[in-house]
PDB file of N, CA and C in Angstrom:
ATOM      1  N   MET A   1       6.883  13.046 -12.756  1.00  0.00           N
ATOM      2  CA  MET A   1       5.760  13.164 -12.291  1.00  0.00           C
ATOM      3  C   MET A   1       5.616  12.771 -10.724  1.00  0.00           C
ATOM      4  N   PRO A   2       5.217  13.810  -9.808  1.00  0.00           N
ATOM      5  CA  PRO A   2       4.992  13.511  -8.535  1.00  0.00           C
ATOM      6  C   PRO A   2       4.035  12.608  -8.140  1.00  0.00           C
ATOM      7  N   GLY A   3       4.309  11.623  -7.190  1.00  0.00           N
ATOM      8  CA  GLY A   3       3.312  10.723  -6.558  1.00  0.00           C
ATOM      9  C   GLY A   3       3.077  10.737  -5.189  1.00  0.00           C
ATOM     10  N   MET A   4       2.372   9.933  -4.661  1.00  0.00           N
ATOM     11  CA  MET A   4       2.028  10.000  -3.183  1.00  0.00           C
ATOM     12  C   MET A   4       2.661   8.730  -2.591  1.00  0.00           C
ATOM     13  N   CYS A   5       3.366   8.754  -1.607  1.00  0.00           N
ATOM     14  CA  CYS A   5       3.887   7.713  -0.819  1.00  0.00           C
ATOM     15  C   CYS A   5       3.993   7.950   0.578  1.00  0.00           C
ATOM     16  N   GLY A   6       3.204   7.333   1.444  1.00  0.00           N
ATOM     17  CA  GLY A   6       3.237   7.546   2.913  1.00  0.00           C
ATOM     18  C   GLY A   6       2.803   8.775   3.247  1.00  0.00           C
ATOM     19  N   GLY A   7       2.016   9.429   2.387  1.00  0.00           N
ATOM     20  CA  GLY A   7       1.291  10.675   2.721  1.00  0.00           C
ATOM     21  C   GLY A   7       2.098  11.821   2.394  1.00  0.00           C
ATOM     22  N   LYS A   8       3.345  11.595   1.791  1.00  0.00           N
ATOM     23  CA  LYS A   8       4.173  12.633   1.462  1.00  0.00           C
ATOM     24  C   LYS A   8       4.374  12.760  -0.043  1.00  0.00           C
ATOM     25  N   LYS A   9       4.429  13.964  -0.593  1.00  0.00           N
ATOM     26  CA  LYS A   9       4.766  14.146  -1.998  1.00  0.00           C
ATOM     27  C   LYS A   9       6.147  13.793  -2.406  1.00  0.00           C
ATOM     28  N   GLU A  10       6.446  12.751  -3.104  1.00  0.00           N
ATOM     29  CA  GLU A  10       7.703  12.408  -3.340  1.00  0.00           C
ATOM     30  C   GLU A  10       7.686  11.977  -4.885  1.00  0.00           C
ATOM     31  N   PRO A  11       8.876  12.109  -5.641  1.00  0.00           N
ATOM     32  CA  PRO A  11       8.849  11.706  -6.955  1.00  0.00           C
ATOM     33  C   PRO A  11       8.553  10.200  -7.116  1.00  0.00           C
ATOM     34  N   ARG A  12       7.788   9.966  -8.129  1.00  0.00           N
ATOM     35  CA  ARG A  12       7.521   8.470  -8.366  1.00  0.00           C
ATOM     36  C   ARG A  12       8.657   7.936  -8.975  1.00  0.00           C
ATOM     37  N   VAL A  13       9.351   7.049  -8.406  1.00  0.00           N
ATOM     38  CA  VAL A  13      10.588   6.425  -8.869  1.00  0.00           C
ATOM     39  C   VAL A  13      10.240   4.784  -8.903  1.00  0.00           C
ATOM     40  N   ARG A  14      10.877   4.368  -9.892  1.00  0.00           N
ATOM     41  CA  ARG A  14      10.769   2.756 -10.118  1.00  0.00           C
ATOM     42  C   ARG A  14      12.137   2.263  -9.970  1.00  0.00           C
ATOM     43  N   PRO A  15      12.599   2.116  -8.746  1.00  0.00           N
ATOM     44  CA  PRO A  15      13.966   1.635  -8.469  1.00  0.00           C
ATOM     45  C   PRO A  15      14.175   0.351  -9.115  1.00  0.00           C
ATOM     46  N   GLY A  16      15.341   0.098  -9.706  1.00  0.00           N
ATOM     47  CA  GLY A  16      15.696  -1.120 -10.263  1.00  0.00           C
ATOM     48  C   GLY A  16      16.412  -1.970  -9.195  1.00  0.00           C
ATOM     49  N   LEU A  17      15.693  -2.706  -8.399  1.00  0.00           N
ATOM     50  CA  LEU A  17      16.222  -3.376  -7.321  1.00  0.00           C
ATOM     51  C   LEU A  17      16.193  -4.819  -7.552  1.00  0.00           C
ATOM     52  N   SER A  18      15.849  -5.288  -8.754  1.00  0.00           N
ATOM     53  CA  SER A  18      15.952  -6.746  -9.048  1.00  0.00           C
ATOM     54  C   SER A  18      17.317  -7.342  -8.781  1.00  0.00           C
ATOM     55  N   GLU A  19      17.328  -8.452  -8.123  1.00  0.00           N
ATOM     56  CA  GLU A  19      18.510  -9.104  -7.586  1.00  0.00           C
ATOM     57  C   GLU A  19      19.535  -8.303  -6.719  1.00  0.00           C
ATOM     58  N   ALA A  20      18.915  -7.264  -6.185  1.00  0.00           N
ATOM     59  CA  ALA A  20      19.808  -6.386  -5.102  1.00  0.00           C
ATOM     60  C   ALA A  20      19.849  -7.200  -3.847  1.00  0.00           C
ATOM     61  N   ASP A  21      20.946  -7.147  -3.144  1.00  0.00           N
ATOM     62  CA  ASP A  21      21.267  -7.747  -1.856  1.00  0.00           C
ATOM     63  C   ASP A  21      20.836  -6.650  -0.764  1.00  0.00           C
ATOM     64  N   LEU A  22      19.629  -6.761  -0.307  1.00  0.00           N
ATOM     65  CA  LEU A  22      18.972  -5.846   0.642  1.00  0.00           C
ATOM     66  C   LEU A  22      18.996  -6.390   2.119  1.00  0.00           C
ATOM     67  N   SER A  23      19.704  -7.500   2.199  1.00  0.00           N
ATOM     68  CA  SER A  23      19.818  -8.247   3.512  1.00  0.00           C
ATOM     69  C   SER A  23      20.140  -7.145   4.628  1.00  0.00           C
ATOM     70  N   ARG A  24      19.355  -7.214   5.730  1.00  0.00           N
ATOM     71  CA  ARG A  24      19.550  -6.471   6.937  1.00  0.00           C
ATOM     72  C   ARG A  24      19.352  -4.970   6.641  1.00  0.00           C
ATOM     73  N   ALA A  25      18.899  -4.616   5.306  1.00  0.00           N
ATOM     74  CA  ALA A  25      18.532  -3.151   5.094  1.00  0.00           C
ATOM     75  C   ALA A  25      17.369  -2.557   5.932  1.00  0.00           C
ATOM     76  N   ASN A  26      17.485  -1.313   6.210  1.00  0.00           N
ATOM     77  CA  ASN A  26      16.445  -0.584   6.970  1.00  0.00           C
ATOM     78  C   ASN A  26      15.457  -0.064   5.802  1.00  0.00           C
ATOM     79  N   LEU A  27      14.411  -0.594   5.669  1.00  0.00           N
ATOM     80  CA  LEU A  27      13.503  -0.102   4.617  1.00  0.00           C
ATOM     81  C   LEU A  27      12.295   0.534   5.344  1.00  0.00           C
ATOM     82  N   ILE A  28      12.412   0.872   6.521  1.00  0.00           N
ATOM     83  CA  ILE A  28      11.321   1.507   7.098  1.00  0.00           C
ATOM     84  C   ILE A  28      10.921   2.714   6.609  1.00  0.00           C
ATOM     85  N   ASP A  29       9.524   2.855   6.301  1.00  0.00           N
ATOM     86  CA  ASP A  29       9.007   4.017   5.619  1.00  0.00           C
ATOM     87  C   ASP A  29       9.533   4.247   4.230  1.00  0.00           C
ATOM     88  N   ALA A  30      10.313   3.180   3.589  1.00  0.00           N
ATOM     89  CA  ALA A  30      10.781   3.240   2.278  1.00  0.00           C
ATOM     90  C   ALA A  30       9.566   3.244   1.186  1.00  0.00           C
ATOM     91  N   CYS A  31       9.762   4.106   0.155  1.00  0.00           N
ATOM     92  CA  CYS A  31       8.721   4.111  -0.792  1.00  0.00           C
ATOM     93  C   CYS A  31       9.227   3.424  -2.040  1.00  0.00           C
ATOM     94  N   LEU A  32       8.664   2.183  -2.174  1.00  0.00           N
ATOM     95  CA  LEU A  32       9.216   1.435  -3.264  1.00  0.00           C
ATOM     96  C   LEU A  32       8.079   1.070  -4.344  1.00  0.00           C
ATOM     97  N   ASP A  33       7.149   1.833  -4.267  1.00  0.00           N
ATOM     98  CA  ASP A  33       5.995   1.908  -5.309  1.00  0.00           C
ATOM     99  C   ASP A  33       6.531   1.518  -6.624  1.00  0.00           C
ATOM    100  N   GLY A  34       6.072   0.442  -7.314  1.00  0.00           N
ATOM    101  CA  GLY A  34       6.422   0.237  -8.673  1.00  0.00           C
ATOM    102  C   GLY A  34       7.802  -0.346  -8.974  1.00  0.00           C
ATOM    103  N   ALA A  35       8.488  -0.645  -7.862  1.00  0.00           N
ATOM    104  CA  ALA A  35       9.905  -1.314  -7.878  1.00  0.00           C
ATOM    105  C   ALA A  35       9.703  -2.673  -8.413  1.00  0.00           C
ATOM    106  N   ASN A  36      10.883  -3.085  -9.111  1.00  0.00           N
ATOM    107  CA  ASN A  36      10.999  -4.482  -9.451  1.00  0.00           C
ATOM    108  C   ASN A  36      11.987  -5.154  -8.347  1.00  0.00           C
ATOM    109  N   LEU A  37      11.369  -6.057  -7.446  1.00  0.00           N
ATOM    110  CA  LEU A  37      12.134  -6.555  -6.388  1.00  0.00           C
ATOM    111  C   LEU A  37      12.423  -8.134  -6.651  1.00  0.00           C
ATOM    112  N   THR A  38      12.198  -8.390  -8.013  1.00  0.00           N
ATOM    113  CA  THR A  38      12.428  -9.977  -8.436  1.00  0.00           C
ATOM    114  C   THR A  38      13.877 -10.220  -8.130  1.00  0.00           C
ATOM    115  N   GLY A  39      14.101 -11.294  -7.494  1.00  0.00           N
ATOM    116  CA  GLY A  39      15.521 -11.832  -7.169  1.00  0.00           C
ATOM    117  C   GLY A  39      16.138 -11.226  -5.951  1.00  0.00           C
ATOM    118  N   ALA A  40      15.463 -10.130  -5.337  1.00  0.00           N
ATOM    119  CA  ALA A  40      16.106  -9.531  -4.300  1.00  0.00           C
ATOM    120  C   ALA A  40      16.229 -10.438  -2.984  1.00  0.00           C
ATOM    121  N   LYS A  41      17.302 -10.149  -2.111  1.00  0.00           N
ATOM    122  CA  LYS A  41      17.544 -10.749  -1.034  1.00  0.00           C
ATOM    123  C   LYS A  41      17.106  -9.873   0.131  1.00  0.00           C
ATOM    124  N   LEU A  42      16.229 -10.428   0.833  1.00  0.00           N
ATOM    125  CA  LEU A  42      15.411  -9.727   1.918  1.00  0.00           C
ATOM    126  C   LEU A  42      15.695 -10.118   3.295  1.00  0.00           C
ATOM    127  N   TRP A  43      16.572 -10.995   3.631  1.00  0.00           N
ATOM    128  CA  TRP A  43      16.812 -11.610   4.914  1.00  0.00           C
ATOM    129  C   TRP A  43      17.110 -10.367   6.037  1.00  0.00           C
ATOM    130  N   GLU A  44      16.258 -10.521   6.948  1.00  0.00           N
ATOM    131  CA  GLU A  44      16.337  -9.676   8.137  1.00  0.00           C
ATOM    132  C   GLU A  44      16.133  -8.064   7.853  1.00  0.00           C
ATOM    133  N   THR A  45      15.372  -7.820   6.778  1.00  0.00           N
ATOM    134  CA  THR A  45      15.101  -6.422   6.327  1.00  0.00           C
ATOM    135  C   THR A  45      14.013  -5.922   7.413  1.00  0.00           C
ATOM    136  N   GLN A  46      14.160  -4.623   7.635  1.00  0.00           N
ATOM    137  CA  GLN A  46      13.109  -3.824   8.491  1.00  0.00           C
ATOM    138  C   GLN A  46      12.302  -3.164   7.570  1.00  0.00           C
ATOM    139  N   ARG A  47      11.049  -3.647   7.573  1.00  0.00           N
ATOM    140  CA  ARG A  47      10.006  -3.112   6.574  1.00  0.00           C
ATOM    141  C   ARG A  47       8.822  -2.273   7.165  1.00  0.00           C
ATOM    142  N   GLY A  48       8.839  -1.949   8.469  1.00  0.00           N
ATOM    143  CA  GLY A  48       7.677  -1.214   9.006  1.00  0.00           C
ATOM    144  C   GLY A  48       7.430   0.023   8.201  1.00  0.00           C
ATOM    145  N   GLY A  49       6.035   0.250   7.839  1.00  0.00           N
ATOM    146  CA  GLY A  49       5.530   1.345   7.135  1.00  0.00           C
ATOM    147  C   GLY A  49       6.108   1.705   5.608  1.00  0.00           C
ATOM    148  N   TRP A  50       6.698   0.505   5.078  1.00  0.00           N
ATOM    149  CA  TRP A  50       7.086   0.650   3.750  1.00  0.00           C
ATOM    150  C   TRP A  50       5.856   0.628   2.828  1.00  0.00           C
ATOM    151  N   SER A  51       6.098   1.234   1.670  1.00  0.00           N
ATOM    152  CA  SER A  51       5.018   1.192   0.691  1.00  0.00           C
ATOM    153  C   SER A  51       5.474   0.538  -0.725  1.00  0.00           C
ATOM    154  N   ILE A  52       4.655  -0.522  -0.998  1.00  0.00           N
ATOM    155  CA  ILE A  52       5.291  -1.359  -2.136  1.00  0.00           C
ATOM    156  C   ILE A  52       3.921  -1.571  -3.096  1.00  0.00           C
ATOM    157  N   LYS A  53       3.229  -0.463  -3.274  1.00  0.00           N
ATOM    158  CA  LYS A  53       2.079  -0.470  -4.238  1.00  0.00           C
ATOM    159  C   LYS A  53       2.541  -0.816  -5.690  1.00  0.00           C
ATOM    160  N   ASN A  54       1.863  -1.732  -6.363  1.00  0.00           N
ATOM    161  CA  ASN A  54       2.313  -2.099  -7.604  1.00  0.00           C
ATOM    162  C   ASN A  54       3.731  -2.687  -7.925  1.00  0.00           C
ATOM    163  N   VAL A  55       4.448  -3.159  -6.811  1.00  0.00           N
ATOM    164  CA  VAL A  55       5.797  -3.734  -6.765  1.00  0.00           C
ATOM    165  C   VAL A  55       5.569  -4.916  -7.646  1.00  0.00           C
ATOM    166  N   ILE A  56       6.659  -5.287  -8.361  1.00  0.00           N
ATOM    167  CA  ILE A  56       6.804  -6.544  -9.104  1.00  0.00           C
ATOM    168  C   ILE A  56       7.881  -7.288  -8.326  1.00  0.00           C
ATOM    169  N   CYS A  57       7.479  -8.575  -7.990  1.00  0.00           N
ATOM    170  CA  CYS A  57       8.377  -9.605  -7.390  1.00  0.00           C
ATOM    171  C   CYS A  57       7.869 -10.917  -7.622  1.00  0.00           C
ATOM    172  N   GLN A  58       8.570 -11.629  -8.598  1.00  0.00           N
ATOM    173  CA  GLN A  58       8.266 -12.999  -8.925  1.00  0.00           C
ATOM    174  C   GLN A  58       8.977 -13.908  -7.968  1.00  0.00           C
ATOM    175  N   VAL A  59      10.015 -13.621  -7.400  1.00  0.00           N
ATOM    176  CA  VAL A  59      10.761 -14.358  -6.603  1.00  0.00           C
ATOM    177  C   VAL A  59      11.761 -13.615  -5.666  1.00  0.00           C
ATOM    178  N   ALA A  60      11.768 -13.981  -4.408  1.00  0.00           N
ATOM    179  CA  ALA A  60      12.575 -13.262  -3.523  1.00  0.00           C
ATOM    180  C   ALA A  60      13.363 -14.409  -2.575  1.00  0.00           C
ATOM    181  N   PHE A  61      14.447 -13.874  -2.036  1.00  0.00           N
ATOM    182  CA  PHE A  61      15.254 -14.733  -1.064  1.00  0.00           C
ATOM    183  C   PHE A  61      15.263 -14.268   0.306  1.00  0.00           C
ATOM    184  N   TRP A  62      14.531 -15.076   1.304  1.00  0.00           N
ATOM    185  CA  TRP A  62      14.430 -14.648   2.647  1.00  0.00           C
ATOM    186  C   TRP A  62      15.311 -15.293   3.560  1.00  0.00           C
ATOM    187  N   ASP A  63      16.051 -16.177   2.911  1.00  0.00           N
ATOM    188  CA  ASP A  63      17.237 -16.982   3.879  1.00  0.00           C
ATOM    189  C   ASP A  63      18.537 -16.179   3.949  1.00  0.00           C
ATOM    190  N   ARG A  64      19.276 -16.417   5.018  1.00  0.00           N
ATOM    191  CA  ARG A  64      20.604 -15.755   5.144  1.00  0.00           C
ATOM    192  C   ARG A  64      21.534 -15.705   4.067  1.00  0.00           C
ATOM    193  N   ASP A  65      21.543 -16.953   3.397  1.00  0.00           N
ATOM    194  CA  ASP A  65      22.540 -16.982   2.354  1.00  0.00           C
ATOM    195  C   ASP A  65      22.054 -16.711   0.888  1.00  0.00           C
ATOM    196  N   GLY A  66      20.754 -16.456   0.819  1.00  0.00           N
ATOM    197  CA  GLY A  66      20.164 -16.051  -0.391  1.00  0.00           C
ATOM    198  C   GLY A  66      20.072 -17.171  -1.441  1.00  0.00           C
ATOM    199  N   LYS A  67      19.939 -18.327  -0.814  1.00  0.00           N
ATOM    200  CA  LYS A  67      19.849 -19.542  -1.801  1.00  0.00           C
ATOM    201  C   LYS A  67      18.485 -20.126  -2.052  1.00  0.00           C
ATOM    202  N   GLU A  68      17.541 -19.921  -1.157  1.00  0.00           N
ATOM    203  CA  GLU A  68      16.435 -20.543  -1.151  1.00  0.00           C
ATOM    204  C   GLU A  68      15.198 -19.625  -1.678  1.00  0.00           C
ATOM    205  N   PRO A  69      14.755 -19.807  -2.980  1.00  0.00           N
ATOM    206  CA  PRO A  69      13.788 -18.904  -3.558  1.00  0.00           C
ATOM    207  C   PRO A  69      12.420 -19.024  -3.022  1.00  0.00           C
ATOM    208  N   THR A  70      11.731 -17.947  -2.843  1.00  0.00           N
ATOM    209  CA  THR A  70      10.188 -17.881  -2.567  1.00  0.00           C
ATOM    210  C   THR A  70       9.575 -17.324  -3.868  1.00  0.00           C
ATOM    211  N   LYS A  71       8.783 -17.958  -4.421  1.00  0.00           N
ATOM    212  CA  LYS A  71       8.085 -17.614  -5.735  1.00  0.00           C
ATOM    213  C   LYS A  71       6.875 -17.021  -5.290  1.00  0.00           C
ATOM    214  N   TYR A  72       6.373 -15.934  -6.135  1.00  0.00           N
ATOM    215  CA  TYR A  72       5.127 -15.266  -5.920  1.00  0.00           C
ATOM    216  C   TYR A  72       4.385 -15.091  -7.146  1.00  0.00           C
ATOM    217  N   GLU A  73       3.006 -15.244  -7.219  1.00  0.00           N
ATOM    218  CA  GLU A  73       2.274 -14.992  -8.489  1.00  0.00           C
ATOM    219  C   GLU A  73       2.167 -13.421  -8.683  1.00  0.00           C
ATOM    220  N   GLU A  74       1.650 -13.056  -9.648  1.00  0.00           N
ATOM    221  CA  GLU A  74       1.478 -11.509  -9.804  1.00  0.00           C
ATOM    222  C   GLU A  74       0.509 -10.885  -8.796  1.00  0.00           C
ATOM    223  N   GLY A  75       1.098  -9.830  -8.167  1.00  0.00           N
ATOM    224  CA  GLY A  75       0.341  -9.254  -7.094  1.00  0.00           C
ATOM    225  C   GLY A  75       0.317  -9.852  -5.754  1.00  0.00           C
ATOM    226  N   GLU A  76       0.984 -11.023  -5.492  1.00  0.00           N
ATOM    227  CA  GLU A  76       0.929 -11.847  -4.278  1.00  0.00           C
ATOM    228  C   GLU A  76       1.874 -11.110  -3.275  1.00  0.00           C
ATOM    229  N   PHE A  77       3.229 -10.715  -3.622  1.00  0.00           N
ATOM    230  CA  PHE A  77       4.020 -10.208  -2.802  1.00  0.00           C
ATOM    231  C   PHE A  77       3.473  -8.950  -2.177  1.00  0.00           C
ATOM    232  N   GLU A  78       2.812  -7.966  -2.816  1.00  0.00           N
ATOM    233  CA  GLU A  78       2.186  -6.803  -2.309  1.00  0.00           C
ATOM    234  C   GLU A  78       1.090  -7.195  -1.316  1.00  0.00           C
ATOM    235  N   ARG A  79       0.401  -8.238  -1.774  1.00  0.00           N
ATOM    236  CA  ARG A  79      -0.788  -8.597  -0.991  1.00  0.00           C
ATOM    237  C   ARG A  79      -0.402  -9.178   0.439  1.00  0.00           C
ATOM    238  N   ILE A  80       0.779  -9.884   0.553  1.00  0.00           N
ATOM    239  CA  ILE A  80       1.242 -10.397   1.663  1.00  0.00           C
ATOM    240  C   ILE A  80       2.021  -9.491   2.660  1.00  0.00           C
ATOM    241  N   PHE A  81       2.861  -8.675   1.999  1.00  0.00           N
ATOM    242  CA  PHE A  81       3.791  -7.691   2.652  1.00  0.00           C
ATOM    243  C   PHE A  81       3.486  -6.365   2.835  1.00  0.00           C
ATOM    244  N   ALA A  82       2.460  -5.691   2.150  1.00  0.00           N
ATOM    245  CA  ALA A  82       2.023  -4.487   2.231  1.00  0.00           C
ATOM    246  C   ALA A  82       1.518  -4.256   3.724  1.00  0.00           C
ATOM    247  N   GLU A  83       1.709  -2.989   4.115  1.00  0.00           N
ATOM    248  CA  GLU A  83       1.280  -2.613   5.629  1.00  0.00           C
ATOM    249  C   GLU A  83      -0.284  -2.673   5.337  1.00  0.00           C
ATOM    250  N   LYS A  84      -0.931  -3.289   6.394  1.00  0.00           N
ATOM    251  CA  LYS A  84      -2.495  -3.139   6.345  1.00  0.00           C
ATOM    252  C   LYS A  84      -2.933  -2.081   7.081  1.00  0.00           C
ATOM    253  N   PRO A  85      -3.931  -1.389   6.511  1.00  0.00           N
ATOM    254  CA  PRO A  85      -4.482  -0.191   7.351  1.00  0.00           C
ATOM    255  C   PRO A  85      -5.322  -0.688   8.424  1.00  0.00           C
ATOM    256  N   ARG A  86      -5.163   0.171   9.501  1.00  0.00           N
ATOM    257  CA  ARG A  86      -5.819  -0.228  10.758  1.00  0.00           C
ATOM    258  C   ARG A  86      -6.921   0.793  11.132  1.00  0.00           C
ATOM    259  N   ILE A  87      -7.970   0.251  11.578  1.00  0.00           N
ATOM    260  CA  ILE A  87      -8.999   1.239  11.944  1.00  0.00           C
ATOM    261  C   ILE A  87      -9.232   1.131  13.545  1.00  0.00           C
ATOM    262  N   ILE A  88      -9.182   2.325  13.983  1.00  0.00           N
ATOM    263  CA  ILE A  88      -9.231   2.472  15.513  1.00  0.00           C
ATOM    264  C   ILE A  88     -10.622   3.153  15.864  1.00  0.00           C
ATOM    265  N   LEU A  89     -11.380   2.386  16.501  1.00  0.00           N
ATOM    266  CA  LEU A  89     -12.677   3.032  16.901  1.00  0.00           C
ATOM    267  C   LEU A  89     -12.627   3.529  18.311  1.00  0.00           C
ATOM    268  N   ARG A  90     -13.026   4.902  18.479  1.00  0.00           N
ATOM    269  CA  ARG A  90     -12.955   5.435  19.779  1.00  0.00           C
ATOM    270  C   ARG A  90     -14.322   5.810  20.223  1.00  0.00           C
ATOM    271  N   TYR A  91     -14.691   5.305  21.424  1.00  0.00           N
ATOM    272  CA  TYR A  91     -15.959   5.822  22.039  1.00  0.00           C
ATOM    273  C   TYR A  91     -15.761   6.669  23.086  1.00  0.00           C
ATOM    274  N   ALA A  92     -16.215   7.875  23.126  1.00  0.00           N
ATOM    275  CA  ALA A  92     -16.014   8.829  24.188  1.00  0.00           C
ATOM    276  C   ALA A  92     -16.430   8.264  25.445  1.00  0.00           C
ATOM    277  N   GLY A  93     -17.484   7.603  25.779  1.00  0.00           N
ATOM    278  CA  GLY A  93     -17.864   7.031  26.871  1.00  0.00           C
ATOM    279  C   GLY A  93     -17.325   5.819  27.139  1.00  0.00           C
ATOM    280  N   GLY A  94     -16.580   5.219  26.314  1.00  0.00           N
ATOM    281  CA  GLY A  94     -16.230   3.713  26.463  1.00  0.00           C
ATOM    282  C   GLY A  94     -17.143   2.630  26.051  1.00  0.00           C
ATOM    283  N   ILE A  95     -16.921   1.463  26.196  1.00  0.00           N
ATOM    284  CA  ILE A  95     -17.767   0.524  25.782  1.00  0.00           C
ATOM    285  C   ILE A  95     -17.928  -0.529  26.885  1.00  0.00           C
ATOM    286  N   SER A  96     -19.303  -0.616  27.227  1.00  0.00           N
ATOM    287  CA  SER A  96     -19.461  -1.618  28.317  1.00  0.00           C
ATOM    288  C   SER A  96     -19.250  -2.973  28.146  1.00  0.00           C
ATOM    289  N   PRO A  97     -18.970  -3.743  29.095  1.00  0.00           N
ATOM    290  CA  PRO A  97     -18.726  -5.211  29.067  1.00  0.00           C
ATOM    291  C   PRO A  97     -19.763  -5.882  28.267  1.00  0.00           C
ATOM    292  N   ASN A  98     -20.967  -5.521  28.278  1.00  0.00           N
ATOM    293  CA  ASN A  98     -22.123  -6.025  27.527  1.00  0.00           C
ATOM    294  C   ASN A  98     -22.271  -5.515  26.146  1.00  0.00           C
ATOM    295  N   HIS A  99     -21.396  -4.666  25.642  1.00  0.00           N
ATOM    296  CA  HIS A  99     -21.444  -4.213  24.313  1.00  0.00           C
ATOM    297  C   HIS A  99     -20.854  -5.283  23.461  1.00  0.00           C
ATOM    298  N   GLU A 100     -21.759  -5.649  22.360  1.00  0.00           N
ATOM    299  CA  GLU A 100     -21.315  -6.772  21.609  1.00  0.00           C
ATOM    300  C   GLU A 100     -20.739  -6.170  20.207  1.00  0.00           C
ATOM    301  N   ALA A 101     -19.960  -7.096  19.550  1.00  0.00           N
ATOM    302  CA  ALA A 101     -19.225  -6.790  18.405  1.00  0.00           C
ATOM    303  C   ALA A 101     -20.281  -6.318  17.252  1.00  0.00           C
ATOM    304  N   SER A 102     -21.566  -6.813  17.279  1.00  0.00           N
ATOM    305  CA  SER A 102     -22.581  -6.604  16.352  1.00  0.00           C
ATOM    306  C   SER A 102     -23.135  -5.115  16.571  1.00  0.00           C
ATOM    307  N   ASP A 103     -23.053  -4.555  17.817  1.00  0.00           N
ATOM    308  CA  ASP A 103     -23.439  -3.249  18.100  1.00  0.00           C
ATOM    309  C   ASP A 103     -22.316  -2.363  17.696  1.00  0.00           C
ATOM    310  N   VAL A 104     -21.082  -2.588  17.920  1.00  0.00           N
ATOM    311  CA  VAL A 104     -20.083  -1.757  17.215  1.00  0.00           C
ATOM    312  C   VAL A 104     -20.180  -1.676  15.799  1.00  0.00           C
ATOM    313  N   ALA A 105     -20.403  -2.915  15.123  1.00  0.00           N
ATOM    314  CA  ALA A 105     -20.461  -2.917  13.581  1.00  0.00           C
ATOM    315  C   ALA A 105     -21.695  -2.136  13.071  1.00  0.00           C
ATOM    316  N   ARG A 106     -22.829  -2.221  13.866  1.00  0.00           N
ATOM    317  CA  ARG A 106     -23.934  -1.404  13.481  1.00  0.00           C
ATOM    318  C   ARG A 106     -23.538   0.010  13.583  1.00  0.00           C
ATOM    319  N   ASP A 107     -23.063   0.491  14.631  1.00  0.00           N
ATOM    320  CA  ASP A 107     -22.684   1.808  15.014  1.00  0.00           C
ATOM    321  C   ASP A 107     -21.877   2.388  13.973  1.00  0.00           C
ATOM    322  N   THR A 108     -20.902   1.629  13.368  1.00  0.00           N
ATOM    323  CA  THR A 108     -19.924   2.174  12.395  1.00  0.00           C
ATOM    324  C   THR A 108     -20.148   1.708  10.999  1.00  0.00           C
ATOM    325  N   ASP A 109     -21.403   1.264  10.693  1.00  0.00           N
ATOM    326  CA  ASP A 109     -21.810   0.885   9.299  1.00  0.00           C
ATOM    327  C   ASP A 109     -21.029  -0.260   8.740  1.00  0.00           C
ATOM    328  N   CYS A 110     -20.644  -1.253   9.519  1.00  0.00           N
ATOM    329  CA  CYS A 110     -19.784  -2.445   9.060  1.00  0.00           C
ATOM    330  C   CYS A 110     -20.593  -3.563   8.769  1.00  0.00           C
ATOM    331  N   LEU A 111     -22.082  -3.531   8.913  1.00  0.00           N
ATOM    332  CA  LEU A 111     -22.889  -4.684   8.652  1.00  0.00           C
ATOM    333  C   LEU A 111     -23.446  -4.788   7.239  1.00  0.00           C
ATOM    334  N   ASN A 112     -23.435  -5.929   6.670  1.00  0.00           N
ATOM    335  CA  ASN A 112     -23.816  -6.052   5.254  1.00  0.00           C
ATOM    336  C   ASN A 112     -25.292  -6.202   5.252  1.00  0.00           C
ATOM    337  N   GLU A 113     -25.998  -6.460   4.085  1.00  0.00           N
ATOM    338  CA  GLU A 113     -27.500  -6.465   4.040  1.00  0.00           C
ATOM    339  C   GLU A 113     -28.055  -7.533   4.826  1.00  0.00           C
ATOM    340  N   ASN A 114     -27.339  -8.730   5.142  1.00  0.00           N
ATOM    341  CA  ASN A 114     -27.937  -9.736   5.947  1.00  0.00           C
ATOM    342  C   ASN A 114     -27.749  -9.607   7.417  1.00  0.00           C
ATOM    343  N   GLY A 115     -27.160  -8.405   7.808  1.00  0.00           N
ATOM    344  CA  GLY A 115     -26.928  -8.053   9.267  1.00  0.00           C
ATOM    345  C   GLY A 115     -25.732  -8.744   9.767  1.00  0.00           C
ATOM    346  N   ARG A 116     -24.758  -9.203   8.878  1.00  0.00           N
ATOM    347  CA  ARG A 116     -23.388  -9.860   9.335  1.00  0.00           C
ATOM    348  C   ARG A 116     -22.394  -8.821   9.213  1.00  0.00           C
ATOM    349  N   ILE A 117     -21.398  -9.036   9.998  1.00  0.00           N
ATOM    350  CA  ILE A 117     -20.138  -8.045   9.944  1.00  0.00           C
ATOM    351  C   ILE A 117     -19.403  -8.381   8.649  1.00  0.00           C
ATOM    352  N   GLN A 118     -19.194  -7.320   7.949  1.00  0.00           N
ATOM    353  CA  GLN A 118     -18.485  -7.545   6.658  1.00  0.00           C
ATOM    354  C   GLN A 118     -17.053  -7.025   6.742  1.00  0.00           C
ATOM    355  N   ALA A 119     -16.135  -7.669   6.115  1.00  0.00           N
ATOM    356  CA  ALA A 119     -14.575  -7.351   6.093  1.00  0.00           C
ATOM    357  C   ALA A 119     -14.447  -6.504   4.841  1.00  0.00           C
ATOM    358  N   ASN A 120     -13.966  -5.337   5.026  1.00  0.00           N
ATOM    359  CA  ASN A 120     -13.743  -4.381   3.960  1.00  0.00           C
ATOM    360  C   ASN A 120     -12.219  -4.526   3.590  1.00  0.00           C
TER     361      ASN A 120
END
């Protein structure tokens, strides 16, 4: 069944990468959605743009020798290491030095019911 990963249609694969030695691997733009990375060695991996939605990882090794485990609660690995979306605001006329963050938030619908900037 096809899935979406990085905006491209790709087969949804659940790679069995538990305990894999991925040290120094180029994982840039890799689609690892649903993969089991528990016990993987991830020292010096390149991870820009990778997709790790619903990844399973209870423990990973980030040290060179793969001897020091880092434990993760359910969903924690994805929450910490997934690419965060960026919002770029462009104002055709620019923003004046007196333009305040609350003005930008108001103009872009980012204020909550109390008039405070909300994080989405």
